[in-house]
Amino acid sequence: QVQLVESGGGLVQPGGSLRLSCAGSRITFSMYDMRWYRQAPGKEREWVAGITAAGGVTNYANSVKGRFSISRDNAKKTVYLQMNSLKPEDTAVYYCNALNVRASGRYDYWGQGTQVTVSA
């Protein structure tokens, strides 16, 4: 079955940087829009950033705009989230999501998440 595996999370000080990766397998990766979400303790999951299948269009939540950057390498079946100027409020479990909607249905896959903790 389709797998999405996130990596790159960890503990970082405020103002620091991390780069998350999400590698796909058993998926026609280039056909999927890719998104990053996050969920902080006691809060609902929220959308963070998205990139279209061909990589031409990116979008960001206002809370991360100017600090985070999403990119993808379709040859490697991997999407990235570069996170700079991290703040304690960025602490959350980060999930990648692959989405394709076509005539045959909606195809929506999630990774298992990677923890990001921003703390001094």
C-alpha atoms as a PDB file:
ATOM      1  CA  GLN A   1       0.000   0.000   0.000  1.00  0.00           C
ATOM      2  CA  VAL A   2       0.986   3.647  -0.283  1.00  0.00           C
ATOM      3  CA  GLN A   3       3.450   4.837   2.321  1.00  0.00           C
ATOM      4  CA  LEU A   4       4.501   8.335   3.283  1.00  0.00           C
ATOM      5  CA  VAL A   5       7.368   8.532   5.765  1.00  0.00           C
ATOM      6  CA  GLU A   6       8.329  11.811   7.412  1.00  0.00           C
ATOM      7  CA  SER A   7      11.757  12.503   8.880  1.00  0.00           C
ATOM      8  CA  GLY A   8      13.855  15.408  10.074  1.00  0.00           C
ATOM      9  CA  GLY A   9      11.997  16.414  13.195  1.00  0.00           C
ATOM     10  CA  GLY A  10      13.684  17.072  16.498  1.00  0.00           C
ATOM     11  CA  LEU A  11      14.430  19.586  19.208  1.00  0.00           C
ATOM     12  CA  VAL A  12      15.619  23.026  18.135  1.00  0.00           C
ATOM     13  CA  GLN A  13      16.089  26.343  19.890  1.00  0.00           C
ATOM     14  CA  PRO A  14      13.934  29.355  19.040  1.00  0.00           C
ATOM     15  CA  GLY A  15      15.273  31.035  15.934  1.00  0.00           C
ATOM     16  CA  GLY A  16      16.723  27.800  14.645  1.00  0.00           C
ATOM     17  CA  SER A  17      15.978  25.798  11.515  1.00  0.00           C
ATOM     18  CA  LEU A  18      14.877  22.309  10.571  1.00  0.00           C
ATOM     19  CA  ARG A  19      14.224  20.603   7.277  1.00  0.00           C
ATOM     20  CA  LEU A  20      11.501  17.988   7.184  1.00  0.00           C
ATOM     21  CA  SER A  21      11.311  15.352   4.479  1.00  0.00           C
ATOM     22  CA  CYS A  22       8.471  13.108   3.414  1.00  0.00           C
ATOM     23  CA  ALA A  23       9.304  10.186   1.163  1.00  0.00           C
ATOM     24  CA  GLY A  24       6.610   8.352  -0.736  1.00  0.00           C
ATOM     25  CA  SER A  25       6.560   4.760  -1.878  1.00  0.00           C
ATOM     26  CA  ARG A  26       4.104   2.749  -3.971  1.00  0.00           C
ATOM     27  CA  ILE A  27       2.611   6.013  -5.192  1.00  0.00           C
ATOM     28  CA  THR A  28       2.681   7.884  -8.494  1.00  0.00           C
ATOM     29  CA  PHE A  29       4.098  10.799  -6.588  1.00  0.00           C
ATOM     30  CA  SER A  30       4.122  13.274  -9.465  1.00  0.00           C
ATOM     31  CA  MET A  31       0.333  13.072  -9.743  1.00  0.00           C
ATOM     32  CA  TYR A  32      -0.294  14.231  -6.181  1.00  0.00           C
ATOM     33  CA  ASP A  33      -0.556  17.641  -4.625  1.00  0.00           C
ATOM     34  CA  MET A  34       1.444  17.514  -1.403  1.00  0.00           C
ATOM     35  CA  ARG A  35       0.670  19.301   1.833  1.00  0.00           C
ATOM     36  CA  TRP A  36       2.138  19.647   5.286  1.00  0.00           C
ATOM     37  CA  TYR A  37      -0.093  19.808   8.336  1.00  0.00           C
ATOM     38  CA  ARG A  38       0.705  20.045  12.010  1.00  0.00           C
ATOM     39  CA  GLN A  39      -1.019  19.274  15.269  1.00  0.00           C
ATOM     40  CA  ALA A  40      -0.012  20.781  18.559  1.00  0.00           C
ATOM     41  CA  PRO A  41      -1.021  19.205  21.895  1.00  0.00           C
ATOM     42  CA  GLY A  42      -4.659  19.890  22.642  1.00  0.00           C
ATOM     43  CA  LYS A  43      -5.276  21.549  19.294  1.00  0.00           C
ATOM     44  CA  GLU A  44      -6.801  20.521  15.989  1.00  0.00           C
ATOM     45  CA  ARG A  45      -4.669  19.581  13.039  1.00  0.00           C
ATOM     46  CA  GLU A  46      -3.952  22.619  10.876  1.00  0.00           C
ATOM     47  CA  TRP A  47      -2.741  23.053   7.342  1.00  0.00           C
ATOM     48  CA  VAL A  48       0.746  24.549   7.043  1.00  0.00           C
ATOM     49  CA  ALA A  49       1.801  24.544   3.387  1.00  0.00           C
ATOM     50  CA  GLY A  50       0.983  23.006   0.051  1.00  0.00           C
ATOM     51  CA  ILE A  51       2.569  22.447  -3.345  1.00  0.00           C
ATOM     52  CA  THR A  52       0.952  21.371  -6.574  1.00  0.00           C
ATOM     53  CA  ALA A  53       1.806  18.118  -8.332  1.00  0.00           C
ATOM     54  CA  ALA A  54       4.241  19.696 -10.784  1.00  0.00           C
ATOM     55  CA  GLY A  55       5.608  22.016  -8.138  1.00  0.00           C
ATOM     56  CA  GLY A  56       4.581  25.198  -9.851  1.00  0.00           C
ATOM     57  CA  VAL A  57       2.379  26.638  -7.129  1.00  0.00           C
ATOM     58  CA  THR A  58       2.978  26.850  -3.398  1.00  0.00           C
ATOM     59  CA  ASN A  59       0.795  28.181  -0.617  1.00  0.00           C
ATOM     60  CA  TYR A  60       1.379  28.837   3.072  1.00  0.00           C
ATOM     61  CA  ALA A  61      -0.583  29.466   6.200  1.00  0.00           C
ATOM     62  CA  ASN A  62      -0.218  33.052   7.383  1.00  0.00           C
ATOM     63  CA  SER A  63       1.450  31.855  10.564  1.00  0.00           C
ATOM     64  CA  VAL A  64       4.429  30.433   8.644  1.00  0.00           C
ATOM     65  CA  LYS A  65       4.591  32.653   5.572  1.00  0.00           C
ATOM     66  CA  GLY A  66       8.074  34.046   5.065  1.00  0.00           C
ATOM     67  CA  ARG A  67       9.621  31.497   7.431  1.00  0.00           C
ATOM     68  CA  PHE A  68       8.757  28.114   5.908  1.00  0.00           C
ATOM     69  CA  SER A  69       9.334  26.886   2.377  1.00  0.00           C
ATOM     70  CA  ILE A  70       7.838  23.808   0.725  1.00  0.00           C
ATOM     71  CA  SER A  71       9.492  22.079  -2.219  1.00  0.00           C
ATOM     72  CA  ARG A  72       9.458  18.708  -3.918  1.00  0.00           C
ATOM     73  CA  ASP A  73      11.615  16.369  -5.956  1.00  0.00           C
ATOM     74  CA  ASN A  74       9.344  14.136  -7.981  1.00  0.00           C
ATOM     75  CA  ALA A  75      12.243  11.967  -9.137  1.00  0.00           C
ATOM     76  CA  LYS A  76      12.953  11.149  -5.487  1.00  0.00           C
ATOM     77  CA  LYS A  77       9.257  11.024  -4.550  1.00  0.00           C
ATOM     78  CA  THR A  78      10.007  13.412  -1.734  1.00  0.00           C
ATOM     79  CA  VAL A  79       8.511  16.642  -0.442  1.00  0.00           C
ATOM     80  CA  TYR A  80      10.387  18.958   1.884  1.00  0.00           C
ATOM     81  CA  LEU A  81       9.512  21.611   4.411  1.00  0.00           C
ATOM     82  CA  GLN A  82      12.314  24.024   5.228  1.00  0.00           C
ATOM     83  CA  MET A  83      11.508  25.728   8.510  1.00  0.00           C
ATOM     84  CA  ASN A  84      13.481  28.815   9.523  1.00  0.00           C
ATOM     85  CA  SER A  85      13.158  31.274  12.385  1.00  0.00           C
ATOM     86  CA  LEU A  86      11.326  28.676  14.412  1.00  0.00           C
ATOM     87  CA  LYS A  87       9.167  29.768  17.318  1.00  0.00           C
ATOM     88  CA  PRO A  88       7.907  27.833  20.347  1.00  0.00           C
ATOM     89  CA  GLU A  89       4.412  27.964  18.839  1.00  0.00           C
ATOM     90  CA  ASP A  90       5.682  25.899  15.905  1.00  0.00           C
ATOM     91  CA  THR A  91       5.980  22.952  18.284  1.00  0.00           C
ATOM     92  CA  ALA A  92       3.770  20.174  16.932  1.00  0.00           C
ATOM     93  CA  VAL A  93       3.682  16.835  15.198  1.00  0.00           C
ATOM     94  CA  TYR A  94       4.101  17.524  11.474  1.00  0.00           C
ATOM     95  CA  TYR A  95       2.341  15.325   8.940  1.00  0.00           C
ATOM     96  CA  CYS A  96       2.635  15.132   5.192  1.00  0.00           C
ATOM     97  CA  ASN A  97      -0.399  14.497   3.034  1.00  0.00           C
ATOM     98  CA  ALA A  98      -0.768  13.418  -0.577  1.00  0.00           C
ATOM     99  CA  LEU A  99      -3.969  14.283  -2.386  1.00  0.00           C
ATOM    100  CA  ASN A 100      -5.263  13.471  -5.843  1.00  0.00           C
ATOM    101  CA  VAL A 101      -8.852  13.975  -6.928  1.00  0.00           C
ATOM    102  CA  ARG A 102      -9.875  12.506 -10.250  1.00  0.00           C
ATOM    103  CA  ALA A 103     -12.845  10.925 -11.928  1.00  0.00           C
ATOM    104  CA  SER A 104     -12.215   7.582 -10.257  1.00  0.00           C
ATOM    105  CA  GLY A 105     -12.281   9.082  -6.794  1.00  0.00           C
ATOM    106  CA  ARG A 106     -10.422  10.934  -4.080  1.00  0.00           C
ATOM    107  CA  TYR A 107      -7.026   9.544  -3.111  1.00  0.00           C
ATOM    108  CA  ASP A 108      -5.809  10.920   0.198  1.00  0.00           C
ATOM    109  CA  TYR A 109      -2.812   9.550   2.089  1.00  0.00           C
ATOM    110  CA  TRP A 110      -1.080  10.538   5.331  1.00  0.00           C
ATOM    111  CA  GLY A 111       2.264   9.908   6.916  1.00  0.00           C
ATOM    112  CA  GLN A 112       2.754   8.921  10.546  1.00  0.00           C
ATOM    113  CA  GLY A 113       4.124  12.303  11.596  1.00  0.00           C
ATOM    114  CA  THR A 114       7.377  13.659  12.965  1.00  0.00           C
ATOM    115  CA  GLN A 115       7.728  15.640  16.173  1.00  0.00           C
ATOM    116  CA  VAL A 116       9.126  19.166  16.085  1.00  0.00           C
ATOM    117  CA  THR A 117       9.866  20.806  19.412  1.00  0.00           C
ATOM    118  CA  VAL A 118      11.041  24.405  19.616  1.00  0.00           C
ATOM    119  CA  SER A 119      12.356  25.189  23.060  1.00  0.00           C
ATOM    120  CA  ALA A 120      15.253  26.833  24.791  1.00  0.00           C
END
